[in-house]
Amino acid sequence: MNKYNLRAQVVSGCISREGDIIFWLGRNTDGNAFSEQAFAMDLDMVFKEADEEIAQIYKQSLSNI
């Protein structure tokens, strides 16, 4: 996960104690509040990153056991 976070450009992530990978992003604001469009953009980026990276993160984690 650290390798992912070091190269990630926008979305951050962590692995929970239960082994779940959690991604998040909270930067698209409209003034000091989230607009519906900004939230949708953030959520889309998080889903795209999860789709592209989650298998690679698990693969690397399992190869280090």
Protein backbone atom coordinates (compact mmCIF):
# COMPACT_ATOMS: atom_id res chain seq x y z
CA MET A 1 0.00 0.00 0.00
CA ASN A 2 2.88 2.35 0.73
CA LYS A 3 4.21 1.78 -2.80
CA TYR A 4 0.79 2.74 -4.17
CA ASN A 5 0.56 5.90 -2.05
CA LEU A 6 4.07 6.99 -3.04
CA ARG A 7 3.15 6.99 -6.73
CA ALA A 8 -0.53 7.93 -6.49
CA GLN A 9 -1.28 11.32 -7.95
CA VAL A 10 -4.74 11.98 -6.53
CA VAL A 11 -6.35 9.14 -4.57
CA SER A 12 -4.98 7.85 -1.24
CA GLY A 13 -5.48 4.42 0.27
CA CYS A 14 -4.95 2.17 3.25
CA ILE A 15 -5.49 -1.44 4.27
CA SER A 16 -7.74 -2.01 7.28
CA ARG A 17 -6.95 -4.54 10.01
CA GLU A 18 -9.52 -6.81 8.38
CA GLY A 19 -7.61 -6.68 5.07
CA ASP A 20 -10.00 -4.34 3.26
CA ILE A 21 -8.43 -1.81 0.88
CA ILE A 22 -9.97 1.62 1.37
CA PHE A 23 -9.49 4.47 -1.10
CA TRP A 24 -10.49 8.09 -0.57
CA LEU A 25 -10.25 11.56 -2.00
CA GLY A 26 -11.61 14.82 -0.70
CA ARG A 27 -10.39 17.80 -2.66
CA ASN A 28 -13.01 18.90 -5.21
CA THR A 29 -14.75 21.65 -3.31
CA ASP A 30 -17.02 24.39 -4.48
CA GLY A 31 -16.03 27.26 -2.20
CA ASN A 32 -15.79 25.61 1.22
CA ALA A 33 -18.45 22.95 0.58
CA PHE A 34 -18.87 20.01 -1.75
CA SER A 35 -21.11 20.58 -4.72
CA GLU A 36 -22.96 17.63 -6.20
CA GLN A 37 -20.73 17.81 -9.29
CA ALA A 38 -17.52 17.94 -7.23
CA PHE A 39 -18.61 14.95 -5.17
CA ALA A 40 -19.45 13.01 -8.35
CA MET A 41 -16.00 13.80 -9.79
CA ASP A 42 -14.26 12.63 -6.60
CA LEU A 43 -16.30 9.46 -6.39
CA ASP A 44 -15.64 8.66 -10.04
CA MET A 45 -11.87 9.09 -9.53
CA VAL A 46 -11.91 6.82 -6.46
CA PHE A 47 -13.88 4.09 -8.26
CA LYS A 48 -11.61 4.27 -11.31
CA GLU A 49 -8.49 4.02 -9.15
CA ALA A 50 -9.91 1.12 -7.16
CA ASP A 51 -10.78 -0.74 -10.37
CA GLU A 52 -7.29 -0.25 -11.76
CA GLU A 53 -5.17 -0.79 -8.64
CA ILE A 54 -6.85 -3.10 -6.12
CA ALA A 55 -5.79 -6.36 -7.77
CA GLN A 56 -2.19 -5.18 -8.05
CA ILE A 57 -2.08 -4.16 -4.38
CA TYR A 58 -3.39 -7.56 -3.23
CA LYS A 59 -1.03 -9.34 -5.61
CA GLN A 60 1.99 -7.48 -4.20
CA SER A 61 0.81 -8.03 -0.62
CA LEU A 62 0.42 -11.76 -1.10
CA SER A 63 3.80 -12.11 -2.81
CA ASN A 64 5.47 -10.62 0.29
CA ILE A 65 4.05 -13.22 2.70
